[in-house]
PDB file of N, CA and C in Angstrom:
ATOM      1  N   MET A   1      57.634  49.425 -23.908  1.00  0.00           N
ATOM      2  CA  MET A   1      58.236  49.880 -22.644  1.00  0.00           C
ATOM      3  C   MET A   1      59.544  49.089 -22.375  1.00  0.00           C
ATOM      4  N   GLN A   2      60.629  49.744 -22.030  1.00  0.00           N
ATOM      5  CA  GLN A   2      61.837  49.022 -21.693  1.00  0.00           C
ATOM      6  C   GLN A   2      61.731  48.520 -20.192  1.00  0.00           C
ATOM      7  N   THR A   3      62.188  47.316 -19.964  1.00  0.00           N
ATOM      8  CA  THR A   3      62.223  46.770 -18.598  1.00  0.00           C
ATOM      9  C   THR A   3      63.526  47.023 -17.921  1.00  0.00           C
ATOM     10  N   TYR A   4      63.427  47.486 -16.682  1.00  0.00           N
ATOM     11  CA  TYR A   4      64.576  47.771 -15.864  1.00  0.00           C
ATOM     12  C   TYR A   4      64.751  46.474 -14.963  1.00  0.00           C
ATOM     13  N   GLU A   5      65.912  45.878 -14.831  1.00  0.00           N
ATOM     14  CA  GLU A   5      66.038  44.625 -14.075  1.00  0.00           C
ATOM     15  C   GLU A   5      66.823  44.927 -12.751  1.00  0.00           C
ATOM     16  N   ILE A   6      66.264  44.479 -11.646  1.00  0.00           N
ATOM     17  CA  ILE A   6      66.933  44.493 -10.359  1.00  0.00           C
ATOM     18  C   ILE A   6      66.996  43.072  -9.913  1.00  0.00           C
ATOM     19  N   ILE A   7      68.271  42.691  -9.295  1.00  0.00           N
ATOM     20  CA  ILE A   7      68.490  41.400  -8.853  1.00  0.00           C
ATOM     21  C   ILE A   7      68.219  41.402  -7.354  1.00  0.00           C
ATOM     22  N   VAL A   8      67.603  40.328  -6.918  1.00  0.00           N
ATOM     23  CA  VAL A   8      67.179  40.190  -5.517  1.00  0.00           C
ATOM     24  C   VAL A   8      68.131  39.070  -4.983  1.00  0.00           C
ATOM     25  N   VAL A   9      68.888  39.346  -3.901  1.00  0.00           N
ATOM     26  CA  VAL A   9      69.691  38.379  -3.212  1.00  0.00           C
ATOM     27  C   VAL A   9      69.061  38.072  -1.859  1.00  0.00           C
ATOM     28  N   ALA A  10      68.496  36.886  -1.755  1.00  0.00           N
ATOM     29  CA  ALA A  10      67.766  36.408  -0.518  1.00  0.00           C
ATOM     30  C   ALA A  10      67.520  34.947  -0.670  1.00  0.00           C
ATOM     31  N   ASP A  11      66.914  34.475   0.396  1.00  0.00           N
ATOM     32  CA  ASP A  11      66.501  33.015   0.425  1.00  0.00           C
ATOM     33  C   ASP A  11      65.252  32.870  -0.477  1.00  0.00           C
ATOM     34  N   ALA A  12      65.025  31.654  -1.015  1.00  0.00           N
ATOM     35  CA  ALA A  12      63.970  31.278  -1.759  1.00  0.00           C
ATOM     36  C   ALA A  12      62.632  31.757  -0.953  1.00  0.00           C
ATOM     37  N   GLY A  13      61.643  32.172  -1.713  1.00  0.00           N
ATOM     38  CA  GLY A  13      60.365  32.550  -1.095  1.00  0.00           C
ATOM     39  C   GLY A  13      60.342  34.055  -0.647  1.00  0.00           C
ATOM     40  N   PHE A  14      61.479  34.801  -0.802  1.00  0.00           N
ATOM     41  CA  PHE A  14      61.496  36.144  -0.245  1.00  0.00           C
ATOM     42  C   PHE A  14      60.628  37.126  -1.050  1.00  0.00           C
ATOM     43  N   VAL A  15      60.356  36.743  -2.408  1.00  0.00           N
ATOM     44  CA  VAL A  15      59.495  37.696  -3.168  1.00  0.00           C
ATOM     45  C   VAL A  15      58.179  37.001  -3.523  1.00  0.00           C
ATOM     46  N   PRO A  16      57.150  37.377  -2.899  1.00  0.00           N
ATOM     47  CA  PRO A  16      55.864  36.814  -3.188  1.00  0.00           C
ATOM     48  C   PRO A  16      55.448  37.230  -4.626  1.00  0.00           C
ATOM     49  N   ASP A  17      54.527  36.388  -5.186  1.00  0.00           N
ATOM     50  CA  ASP A  17      54.050  36.571  -6.587  1.00  0.00           C
ATOM     51  C   ASP A  17      53.397  37.972  -6.659  1.00  0.00           C
ATOM     52  N   THR A  18      52.735  38.433  -5.589  1.00  0.00           N
ATOM     53  CA  THR A  18      51.998  39.754  -5.723  1.00  0.00           C
ATOM     54  C   THR A  18      53.041  40.894  -5.823  1.00  0.00           C
ATOM     55  N   VAL A  19      54.166  40.741  -5.169  1.00  0.00           N
ATOM     56  CA  VAL A  19      55.141  41.799  -5.209  1.00  0.00           C
ATOM     57  C   VAL A  19      55.864  41.778  -6.537  1.00  0.00           C
ATOM     58  N   ARG A  20      56.194  40.599  -7.008  1.00  0.00           N
ATOM     59  CA  ARG A  20      56.855  40.525  -8.345  1.00  0.00           C
ATOM     60  C   ARG A  20      55.949  41.138  -9.370  1.00  0.00           C
ATOM     61  N   ALA A  21      54.631  40.868  -9.342  1.00  0.00           N
ATOM     62  CA  ALA A  21      53.687  41.345 -10.413  1.00  0.00           C
ATOM     63  C   ALA A  21      53.602  42.911 -10.299  1.00  0.00           C
ATOM     64  N   ALA A  22      53.590  43.525  -9.117  1.00  0.00           N
ATOM     65  CA  ALA A  22      53.513  44.968  -8.941  1.00  0.00           C
ATOM     66  C   ALA A  22      54.686  45.597  -9.497  1.00  0.00           C
ATOM     67  N   TRP A  23      55.861  44.974  -9.245  1.00  0.00           N
ATOM     68  CA  TRP A  23      57.132  45.522  -9.861  1.00  0.00           C
ATOM     69  C   TRP A  23      57.096  45.480 -11.357  1.00  0.00           C
ATOM     70  N   ARG A  24      56.571  44.381 -11.880  1.00  0.00           N
ATOM     71  CA  ARG A  24      56.590  44.177 -13.305  1.00  0.00           C
ATOM     72  C   ARG A  24      55.614  45.172 -13.948  1.00  0.00           C
ATOM     73  N   ARG A  25      54.487  45.539 -13.308  1.00  0.00           N
ATOM     74  CA  ARG A  25      53.622  46.567 -13.823  1.00  0.00           C
ATOM     75  C   ARG A  25      54.311  47.936 -13.784  1.00  0.00           C
ATOM     76  N   SER A  26      55.294  48.091 -12.961  1.00  0.00           N
ATOM     77  CA  SER A  26      55.963  49.371 -12.845  1.00  0.00           C
ATOM     78  C   SER A  26      57.191  49.363 -13.789  1.00  0.00           C
ATOM     79  N   GLY A  27      57.395  48.357 -14.629  1.00  0.00           N
ATOM     80  CA  GLY A  27      58.387  48.323 -15.574  1.00  0.00           C
ATOM     81  C   GLY A  27      59.707  47.709 -15.069  1.00  0.00           C
ATOM     82  N   VAL A  28      59.641  47.030 -13.992  1.00  0.00           N
ATOM     83  CA  VAL A  28      60.858  46.544 -13.337  1.00  0.00           C
ATOM     84  C   VAL A  28      60.691  45.028 -13.224  1.00  0.00           C
ATOM     85  N   LYS A  29      61.714  44.376 -13.687  1.00  0.00           N
ATOM     86  CA  LYS A  29      61.806  42.880 -13.579  1.00  0.00           C
ATOM     87  C   LYS A  29      62.583  42.567 -12.342  1.00  0.00           C
ATOM     88  N   LEU A  30      62.092  41.819 -11.439  1.00  0.00           N
ATOM     89  CA  LEU A  30      62.889  41.354 -10.317  1.00  0.00           C
ATOM     90  C   LEU A  30      63.433  39.987 -10.609  1.00  0.00           C
ATOM     91  N   SER A  31      64.727  39.833 -10.684  1.00  0.00           N
ATOM     92  CA  SER A  31      65.314  38.502 -10.943  1.00  0.00           C
ATOM     93  C   SER A  31      65.779  37.920  -9.625  1.00  0.00           C
ATOM     94  N   GLY A  32      65.477  36.676  -9.441  1.00  0.00           N
ATOM     95  CA  GLY A  32      65.926  36.007  -8.206  1.00  0.00           C
ATOM     96  C   GLY A  32      64.580  35.620  -7.469  1.00  0.00           C
ATOM     97  N   PRO A  33      64.856  35.365  -6.247  1.00  0.00           N
ATOM     98  CA  PRO A  33      65.978  35.550  -5.399  1.00  0.00           C
ATOM     99  C   PRO A  33      67.168  34.564  -5.693  1.00  0.00           C
ATOM    100  N   PHE A  34      68.326  35.041  -5.427  1.00  0.00           N
ATOM    101  CA  PHE A  34      69.524  34.209  -5.576  1.00  0.00           C
ATOM    102  C   PHE A  34      70.264  34.281  -4.274  1.00  0.00           C
ATOM    103  N   ARG A  35      70.972  33.249  -3.881  1.00  0.00           N
ATOM    104  CA  ARG A  35      71.773  33.230  -2.796  1.00  0.00           C
ATOM    105  C   ARG A  35      73.049  34.075  -3.126  1.00  0.00           C
ATOM    106  N   PRO A  36      73.787  34.748  -2.145  1.00  0.00           N
ATOM    107  CA  PRO A  36      74.956  35.485  -2.565  1.00  0.00           C
ATOM    108  C   PRO A  36      76.004  34.680  -3.301  1.00  0.00           C
ATOM    109  N   GLU A  37      76.212  33.492  -3.127  1.00  0.00           N
ATOM    110  CA  GLU A  37      77.258  32.682  -3.858  1.00  0.00           C
ATOM    111  C   GLU A  37      76.771  32.446  -5.300  1.00  0.00           C
ATOM    112  N   GLU A  38      75.427  32.552  -5.586  1.00  0.00           N
ATOM    113  CA  GLU A  38      74.915  32.304  -6.910  1.00  0.00           C
ATOM    114  C   GLU A  38      74.827  33.515  -7.826  1.00  0.00           C
ATOM    115  N   ALA A  39      75.114  34.670  -7.298  1.00  0.00           N
ATOM    116  CA  ALA A  39      74.937  35.851  -8.038  1.00  0.00           C
ATOM    117  C   ALA A  39      76.082  35.991  -9.078  1.00  0.00           C
ATOM    118  N   ASP A  40      75.631  35.960 -10.315  1.00  0.00           N
ATOM    119  CA  ASP A  40      76.592  35.946 -11.560  1.00  0.00           C
ATOM    120  C   ASP A  40      77.130  37.412 -11.701  1.00  0.00           C
ATOM    121  N   GLU A  41      78.460  37.416 -11.827  1.00  0.00           N
ATOM    122  CA  GLU A  41      79.138  38.797 -11.981  1.00  0.00           C
ATOM    123  C   GLU A  41      78.610  39.595 -13.235  1.00  0.00           C
ATOM    124  N   ALA A  42      78.464  38.911 -14.340  1.00  0.00           N
ATOM    125  CA  ALA A  42      78.043  39.595 -15.528  1.00  0.00           C
ATOM    126  C   ALA A  42      76.588  40.088 -15.419  1.00  0.00           C
ATOM    127  N   ALA A  43      75.704  39.222 -14.733  1.00  0.00           N
ATOM    128  CA  ALA A  43      74.346  39.724 -14.468  1.00  0.00           C
ATOM    129  C   ALA A  43      74.277  40.824 -13.486  1.00  0.00           C
ATOM    130  N   LEU A  44      75.137  40.880 -12.538  1.00  0.00           N
ATOM    131  CA  LEU A  44      75.192  41.998 -11.518  1.00  0.00           C
ATOM    132  C   LEU A  44      75.509  43.258 -12.234  1.00  0.00           C
ATOM    133  N   ILE A  45      76.569  43.252 -13.074  1.00  0.00           N
ATOM    134  CA  ILE A  45      77.070  44.445 -13.751  1.00  0.00           C
ATOM    135  C   ILE A  45      75.930  44.977 -14.778  1.00  0.00           C
ATOM    136  N   ARG A  46      75.307  44.038 -15.385  1.00  0.00           N
ATOM    137  CA  ARG A  46      74.263  44.333 -16.433  1.00  0.00           C
ATOM    138  C   ARG A  46      73.031  44.925 -15.823  1.00  0.00           C
ATOM    139  N   SER A  47      72.806  44.518 -14.580  1.00  0.00           N
ATOM    140  CA  SER A  47      71.493  44.948 -13.845  1.00  0.00           C
ATOM    141  C   SER A  47      71.396  46.437 -13.484  1.00  0.00           C
ATOM    142  N   GLY A  48      70.221  46.891 -13.123  1.00  0.00           N
ATOM    143  CA  GLY A  48      70.068  48.217 -12.610  1.00  0.00           C
ATOM    144  C   GLY A  48      70.357  48.397 -11.196  1.00  0.00           C
ATOM    145  N   GLY A  49      70.708  47.336 -10.466  1.00  0.00           N
ATOM    146  CA  GLY A  49      71.070  47.335  -9.149  1.00  0.00           C
ATOM    147  C   GLY A  49      70.676  46.069  -8.450  1.00  0.00           C
ATOM    148  N   VAL A  50      70.981  45.990  -7.191  1.00  0.00           N
ATOM    149  CA  VAL A  50      70.838  44.715  -6.408  1.00  0.00           C
ATOM    150  C   VAL A  50      70.182  45.155  -5.008  1.00  0.00           C
ATOM    151  N   VAL A  51      69.178  44.381  -4.698  1.00  0.00           N
ATOM    152  CA  VAL A  51      68.602  44.525  -3.345  1.00  0.00           C
ATOM    153  C   VAL A  51      68.878  43.265  -2.573  1.00  0.00           C
ATOM    154  N   ILE A  52      69.329  43.484  -1.391  1.00  0.00           N
ATOM    155  CA  ILE A  52      69.848  42.405  -0.462  1.00  0.00           C
ATOM    156  C   ILE A  52      68.975  42.158   0.751  1.00  0.00           C
ATOM    157  N   ASP A  53      68.535  41.060   0.937  1.00  0.00           N
ATOM    158  CA  ASP A  53      67.734  40.787   2.206  1.00  0.00           C
ATOM    159  C   ASP A  53      68.690  41.028   3.442  1.00  0.00           C
ATOM    160  N   VAL A  54      68.390  41.958   4.292  1.00  0.00           N
ATOM    161  CA  VAL A  54      69.158  42.324   5.391  1.00  0.00           C
ATOM    162  C   VAL A  54      69.281  41.174   6.473  1.00  0.00           C
ATOM    163  N   SER A  55      68.357  40.211   6.298  1.00  0.00           N
ATOM    164  CA  SER A  55      68.407  39.141   7.353  1.00  0.00           C
ATOM    165  C   SER A  55      69.366  37.996   6.994  1.00  0.00           C
ATOM    166  N   LEU A  56      70.176  38.131   5.987  1.00  0.00           N
ATOM    167  CA  LEU A  56      71.094  37.096   5.509  1.00  0.00           C
ATOM    168  C   LEU A  56      72.252  37.140   6.599  1.00  0.00           C
ATOM    169  N   GLU A  57      73.099  36.215   6.634  1.00  0.00           N
ATOM    170  CA  GLU A  57      74.182  36.106   7.601  1.00  0.00           C
ATOM    171  C   GLU A  57      75.140  37.262   7.341  1.00  0.00           C
ATOM    172  N   ALA A  58      75.616  37.845   8.466  1.00  0.00           N
ATOM    173  CA  ALA A  58      76.463  39.092   8.386  1.00  0.00           C
ATOM    174  C   ALA A  58      77.695  38.883   7.430  1.00  0.00           C
ATOM    175  N   SER A  59      78.304  37.652   7.456  1.00  0.00           N
ATOM    176  CA  SER A  59      79.381  37.378   6.585  1.00  0.00           C
ATOM    177  C   SER A  59      78.998  37.430   5.121  1.00  0.00           C
ATOM    178  N   GLU A  60      77.706  36.964   4.870  1.00  0.00           N
ATOM    179  CA  GLU A  60      77.277  37.006   3.395  1.00  0.00           C
ATOM    180  C   GLU A  60      76.929  38.408   2.955  1.00  0.00           C
ATOM    181  N   LEU A  61      76.369  39.200   3.942  1.00  0.00           N
ATOM    182  CA  LEU A  61      76.127  40.547   3.579  1.00  0.00           C
ATOM    183  C   LEU A  61      77.371  41.385   3.396  1.00  0.00           C
ATOM    184  N   PHE A  62      78.381  41.238   4.170  1.00  0.00           N
ATOM    185  CA  PHE A  62      79.607  41.950   4.008  1.00  0.00           C
ATOM    186  C   PHE A  62      80.337  41.558   2.791  1.00  0.00           C
ATOM    187  N   GLY A  63      80.500  40.234   2.575  1.00  0.00           N
ATOM    188  CA  GLY A  63      81.120  39.725   1.290  1.00  0.00           C
ATOM    189  C   GLY A  63      80.487  40.303   0.046  1.00  0.00           C
ATOM    190  N   LEU A  64      79.215  40.168  -0.075  1.00  0.00           N
ATOM    191  CA  LEU A  64      78.475  40.592  -1.261  1.00  0.00           C
ATOM    192  C   LEU A  64      78.562  42.087  -1.368  1.00  0.00           C
ATOM    193  N   SER A  65      78.487  42.841  -0.353  1.00  0.00           N
ATOM    194  CA  SER A  65      78.542  44.276  -0.348  1.00  0.00           C
ATOM    195  C   SER A  65      79.928  44.723  -0.847  1.00  0.00           C
ATOM    196  N   GLU A  66      80.922  44.112  -0.388  1.00  0.00           N
ATOM    197  CA  GLU A  66      82.358  44.411  -0.899  1.00  0.00           C
ATOM    198  C   GLU A  66      82.472  44.109  -2.356  1.00  0.00           C
ATOM    199  N   ARG A  67      81.932  43.082  -2.807  1.00  0.00           N
ATOM    200  CA  ARG A  67      82.009  42.619  -4.270  1.00  0.00           C
ATOM    201  C   ARG A  67      81.293  43.679  -5.072  1.00  0.00           C
ATOM    202  N   LEU A  68      80.042  44.032  -4.653  1.00  0.00           N
ATOM    203  CA  LEU A  68      79.282  44.970  -5.494  1.00  0.00           C
ATOM    204  C   LEU A  68      79.951  46.444  -5.507  1.00  0.00           C
ATOM    205  N   LEU A  69      80.528  46.775  -4.432  1.00  0.00           N
ATOM    206  CA  LEU A  69      81.317  48.102  -4.393  1.00  0.00           C
ATOM    207  C   LEU A  69      82.448  48.058  -5.466  1.00  0.00           C
ATOM    208  N   GLN A  70      83.127  46.917  -5.507  1.00  0.00           N
ATOM    209  CA  GLN A  70      84.222  46.666  -6.371  1.00  0.00           C
ATOM    210  C   GLN A  70      83.811  46.642  -7.897  1.00  0.00           C
ATOM    211  N   LEU A  71      82.560  46.175  -8.072  1.00  0.00           N
ATOM    212  CA  LEU A  71      82.008  46.096  -9.389  1.00  0.00           C
ATOM    213  C   LEU A  71      81.325  47.388  -9.782  1.00  0.00           C
ATOM    214  N   ASP A  72      81.131  48.344  -8.877  1.00  0.00           N
ATOM    215  CA  ASP A  72      80.428  49.615  -9.049  1.00  0.00           C
ATOM    216  C   ASP A  72      78.912  49.367  -9.356  1.00  0.00           C
ATOM    217  N   VAL A  73      78.411  48.384  -8.678  1.00  0.00           N
ATOM    218  CA  VAL A  73      76.947  48.038  -8.836  1.00  0.00           C
ATOM    219  C   VAL A  73      76.163  48.595  -7.705  1.00  0.00           C
ATOM    220  N   PRO A  74      75.174  49.433  -7.978  1.00  0.00           N
ATOM    221  CA  PRO A  74      74.358  49.976  -6.820  1.00  0.00           C
ATOM    222  C   PRO A  74      73.644  48.924  -6.084  1.00  0.00           C
ATOM    223  N   PHE A  75      73.553  49.069  -4.814  1.00  0.00           N
ATOM    224  CA  PHE A  75      72.728  48.091  -3.974  1.00  0.00           C
ATOM    225  C   PHE A  75      72.164  48.731  -2.801  1.00  0.00           C
ATOM    226  N   LEU A  76      71.088  48.041  -2.329  1.00  0.00           N
ATOM    227  CA  LEU A  76      70.446  48.477  -1.079  1.00  0.00           C
ATOM    228  C   LEU A  76      70.119  47.271  -0.182  1.00  0.00           C
ATOM    229  N   PHE A  77      70.073  47.414   1.087  1.00  0.00           N
ATOM    230  CA  PHE A  77      69.602  46.385   1.996  1.00  0.00           C
ATOM    231  C   PHE A  77      68.070  46.653   2.078  1.00  0.00           C
ATOM    232  N   VAL A  78      67.306  45.469   2.040  1.00  0.00           N
ATOM    233  CA  VAL A  78      65.858  45.641   2.129  1.00  0.00           C
ATOM    234  C   VAL A  78      65.297  44.610   3.125  1.00  0.00           C
ATOM    235  N   VAL A  79      64.076  44.808   3.658  1.00  0.00           N
ATOM    236  CA  VAL A  79      63.384  43.820   4.379  1.00  0.00           C
ATOM    237  C   VAL A  79      62.240  43.281   3.456  1.00  0.00           C
ATOM    238  N   GLY A  80      61.697  42.207   3.821  1.00  0.00           N
ATOM    239  CA  GLY A  80      60.518  41.624   3.066  1.00  0.00           C
ATOM    240  C   GLY A  80      59.286  42.277   3.283  1.00  0.00           C
ATOM    241  N   SER A  81      58.279  41.881   2.476  1.00  0.00           N
ATOM    242  CA  SER A  81      56.966  42.588   2.607  1.00  0.00           C
ATOM    243  C   SER A  81      56.243  42.449   3.846  1.00  0.00           C
ATOM    244  N   ASN A  82      56.689  41.468   4.713  1.00  0.00           N
ATOM    245  CA  ASN A  82      55.922  41.378   5.860  1.00  0.00           C
ATOM    246  C   ASN A  82      56.457  42.174   7.090  1.00  0.00           C
ATOM    247  N   ALA A  83      57.592  42.795   6.767  1.00  0.00           N
ATOM    248  CA  ALA A  83      58.336  43.620   7.877  1.00  0.00           C
ATOM    249  C   ALA A  83      57.582  44.880   8.057  1.00  0.00           C
ATOM    250  N   ARG A  84      57.708  45.399   9.282  1.00  0.00           N
ATOM    251  CA  ARG A  84      57.047  46.731   9.624  1.00  0.00           C
ATOM    252  C   ARG A  84      58.036  47.812   9.286  1.00  0.00           C
ATOM    253  N   SER A  85      57.574  48.980   8.882  1.00  0.00           N
ATOM    254  CA  SER A  85      58.405  50.110   8.678  1.00  0.00           C
ATOM    255  C   SER A  85      58.299  51.083   9.768  1.00  0.00           C
ATOM    256  N   SER A  86      59.303  51.833   9.970  1.00  0.00           N
ATOM    257  CA  SER A  86      59.291  52.908  10.992  1.00  0.00           C
ATOM    258  C   SER A  86      58.532  54.130  10.557  1.00  0.00           C
ATOM    259  N   ALA A  87      58.373  55.051  11.380  1.00  0.00           N
ATOM    260  CA  ALA A  87      57.697  56.415  11.017  1.00  0.00           C
ATOM    261  C   ALA A  87      58.497  57.100   9.944  1.00  0.00           C
ATOM    262  N   SER A  88      59.801  56.908   9.888  1.00  0.00           N
ATOM    263  CA  SER A  88      60.591  57.551   8.862  1.00  0.00           C
ATOM    264  C   SER A  88      60.408  56.843   7.482  1.00  0.00           C
ATOM    265  N   GLY A  89      59.804  55.724   7.464  1.00  0.00           N
ATOM    266  CA  GLY A  89      59.676  54.997   6.168  1.00  0.00           C
ATOM    267  C   GLY A  89      60.785  53.967   5.975  1.00  0.00           C
ATOM    268  N   LEU A  90      61.863  54.040   6.838  1.00  0.00           N
ATOM    269  CA  LEU A  90      62.937  53.128   6.679  1.00  0.00           C
ATOM    270  C   LEU A  90      62.639  51.868   7.466  1.00  0.00           C
ATOM    271  N   PRO A  91      63.198  50.717   7.222  1.00  0.00           N
ATOM    272  CA  PRO A  91      64.116  50.435   6.139  1.00  0.00           C
ATOM    273  C   PRO A  91      63.441  50.332   4.889  1.00  0.00           C
ATOM    274  N   TYR A  92      64.233  50.094   3.759  1.00  0.00           N
ATOM    275  CA  TYR A  92      63.589  49.838   2.384  1.00  0.00           C
ATOM    276  C   TYR A  92      62.875  48.545   2.613  1.00  0.00           C
ATOM    277  N   ARG A  93      61.641  48.599   2.104  1.00  0.00           N
ATOM    278  CA  ARG A  93      60.825  47.319   2.038  1.00  0.00           C
ATOM    279  C   ARG A  93      60.458  46.944   0.628  1.00  0.00           C
ATOM    280  N   LEU A  94      60.690  45.693   0.321  1.00  0.00           N
ATOM    281  CA  LEU A  94      60.350  45.102  -0.990  1.00  0.00           C
ATOM    282  C   LEU A  94      58.916  44.647  -0.970  1.00  0.00           C
ATOM    283  N   THR A  95      58.016  45.552  -1.333  1.00  0.00           N
ATOM    284  CA  THR A  95      56.615  45.243  -1.322  1.00  0.00           C
ATOM    285  C   THR A  95      55.959  45.662  -2.651  1.00  0.00           C
ATOM    286  N   GLU A  96      54.638  45.501  -2.649  1.00  0.00           N
ATOM    287  CA  GLU A  96      53.928  45.888  -3.890  1.00  0.00           C
ATOM    288  C   GLU A  96      53.472  47.312  -3.897  1.00  0.00           C
ATOM    289  N   ARG A  97      53.704  48.075  -2.765  1.00  0.00           N
ATOM    290  CA  ARG A  97      53.286  49.400  -2.617  1.00  0.00           C
ATOM    291  C   ARG A  97      54.102  50.362  -3.586  1.00  0.00           C
ATOM    292  N   GLN A  98      53.439  51.225  -4.300  1.00  0.00           N
ATOM    293  CA  GLN A  98      54.109  52.161  -5.168  1.00  0.00           C
ATOM    294  C   GLN A  98      55.133  52.983  -4.461  1.00  0.00           C
ATOM    295  N   ALA A  99      54.857  53.390  -3.237  1.00  0.00           N
ATOM    296  CA  ALA A  99      55.782  54.270  -2.470  1.00  0.00           C
ATOM    297  C   ALA A  99      57.017  53.509  -2.169  1.00  0.00           C
ATOM    298  N   ASP A 100      56.868  52.187  -1.765  1.00  0.00           N
ATOM    299  CA  ASP A 100      58.128  51.386  -1.570  1.00  0.00           C
ATOM    300  C   ASP A 100      58.964  51.219  -2.857  1.00  0.00           C
ATOM    301  N   ILE A 101      58.227  50.894  -3.880  1.00  0.00           N
ATOM    302  CA  ILE A 101      58.845  50.652  -5.175  1.00  0.00           C
ATOM    303  C   ILE A 101      59.715  51.994  -5.586  1.00  0.00           C
ATOM    304  N   ALA A 102      58.997  53.088  -5.469  1.00  0.00           N
ATOM    305  CA  ALA A 102      59.711  54.384  -5.784  1.00  0.00           C
ATOM    306  C   ALA A 102      60.824  54.622  -4.931  1.00  0.00           C
ATOM    307  N   ALA A 103      60.762  54.348  -3.638  1.00  0.00           N
ATOM    308  CA  ALA A 103      61.919  54.556  -2.752  1.00  0.00           C
ATOM    309  C   ALA A 103      63.139  53.693  -3.121  1.00  0.00           C
ATOM    310  N   ILE A 104      62.839  52.474  -3.391  1.00  0.00           N
ATOM    311  CA  ILE A 104      64.032  51.587  -3.750  1.00  0.00           C
ATOM    312  C   ILE A 104      64.547  52.045  -5.056  1.00  0.00           C
ATOM    313  N   LEU A 105      63.685  52.359  -6.136  1.00  0.00           N
ATOM    314  CA  LEU A 105      64.333  52.787  -7.388  1.00  0.00           C
ATOM    315  C   LEU A 105      65.152  54.062  -7.171  1.00  0.00           C
ATOM    316  N   ASN A 106      64.570  55.030  -6.335  1.00  0.00           N
ATOM    317  CA  ASN A 106      65.340  56.214  -6.107  1.00  0.00           C
ATOM    318  C   ASN A 106      66.606  56.028  -5.421  1.00  0.00           C
ATOM    319  N   GLY A 107      66.664  55.080  -4.423  1.00  0.00           N
ATOM    320  CA  GLY A 107      67.892  54.763  -3.687  1.00  0.00           C
ATOM    321  C   GLY A 107      68.831  54.049  -4.605  1.00  0.00           C
ATOM    322  N   LEU A 108      68.441  53.304  -5.558  1.00  0.00           N
ATOM    323  CA  LEU A 108      69.465  52.574  -6.511  1.00  0.00           C
ATOM    324  C   LEU A 108      69.962  53.535  -7.524  1.00  0.00           C
ATOM    325  N   THR A 109      69.132  54.561  -7.935  1.00  0.00           N
ATOM    326  CA  THR A 109      69.517  55.413  -9.015  1.00  0.00           C
ATOM    327  C   THR A 109      70.024  56.693  -8.612  1.00  0.00           C
ATOM    328  N   HIS A 110      70.153  56.912  -7.295  1.00  0.00           N
ATOM    329  CA  HIS A 110      70.456  58.294  -6.783  1.00  0.00           C
ATOM    330  C   HIS A 110      71.902  58.699  -7.382  1.00  0.00           C
ATOM    331  N   GLU A 111      71.852  59.797  -8.152  1.00  0.00           N
ATOM    332  CA  GLU A 111      72.951  60.135  -8.969  1.00  0.00           C
ATOM    333  C   GLU A 111      74.107  60.718  -8.081  1.00  0.00           C
ATOM    334  N   HIS A 112      73.867  60.966  -6.765  1.00  0.00           N
ATOM    335  CA  HIS A 112      74.914  61.597  -5.931  1.00  0.00           C
ATOM    336  C   HIS A 112      75.511  60.545  -4.998  1.00  0.00           C
ATOM    337  N   PHE A 113      75.331  59.299  -5.305  1.00  0.00           N
ATOM    338  CA  PHE A 113      75.959  58.242  -4.551  1.00  0.00           C
ATOM    339  C   PHE A 113      77.516  58.345  -4.606  1.00  0.00           C
ATOM    340  N   ASP A 114      78.188  58.379  -3.545  1.00  0.00           N
ATOM    341  CA  ASP A 114      79.626  58.457  -3.505  1.00  0.00           C
ATOM    342  C   ASP A 114      80.204  57.255  -2.789  1.00  0.00           C
ATOM    343  N   LYS A 115      80.912  56.397  -3.596  1.00  0.00           N
ATOM    344  CA  LYS A 115      81.498  55.181  -3.055  1.00  0.00           C
ATOM    345  C   LYS A 115      82.450  55.461  -1.981  1.00  0.00           C
ATOM    346  N   THR A 116      83.188  56.520  -2.095  1.00  0.00           N
ATOM    347  CA  THR A 116      84.177  56.895  -1.057  1.00  0.00           C
ATOM    348  C   THR A 116      83.576  57.004   0.341  1.00  0.00           C
ATOM    349  N   THR A 117      82.282  57.264   0.468  1.00  0.00           N
ATOM    350  CA  THR A 117      81.668  57.395   1.775  1.00  0.00           C
ATOM    351  C   THR A 117      80.879  56.200   2.187  1.00  0.00           C
ATOM    352  N   ALA A 118      80.939  55.131   1.385  1.00  0.00           N
ATOM    353  CA  ALA A 118      80.203  53.968   1.593  1.00  0.00           C
ATOM    354  C   ALA A 118      81.075  52.761   1.963  1.00  0.00           C
ATOM    355  N   GLN A 119      82.206  53.024   2.493  1.00  0.00           N
ATOM    356  CA  GLN A 119      83.124  51.978   2.899  1.00  0.00           C
ATOM    357  C   GLN A 119      82.534  51.081   4.010  1.00  0.00           C
ATOM    358  N   LEU A 120      82.731  49.777   3.921  1.00  0.00           N
ATOM    359  CA  LEU A 120      82.095  48.940   4.885  1.00  0.00           C
ATOM    360  C   LEU A 120      82.965  48.547   5.988  1.00  0.00           C
ATOM    361  N   HIS A 121      84.199  48.959   6.072  1.00  0.00           N
ATOM    362  CA  HIS A 121      85.089  48.646   7.141  1.00  0.00           C
ATOM    363  C   HIS A 121      86.063  49.838   7.474  1.00  0.00           C
TER     364      HIS A 121
END
């Protein structure tokens, strides 16, 4: 089985071992977490996408998002496994639940993603 890699940008401790193991069983390697300034450009491009902890500083979120858009790397903002979700299932939650894994994978691989409508400013 081929492993799909997703890079996690967050503070240390954002991905519990139970979450990492569940994603691995689903064929996905979670790399990181890395701080925004530590995210290697070649690794970003080579990955299947990036999930970013929405609780990072706004300037970090904006800078990294702009960089990922320029590199044409798919990304999503996520909350950690301890966060509550709304009735709509949003926001994206990085948990061990199969439904959350599927939602994130679907969001990162959505073939109709249009960068022209995703401008950040």
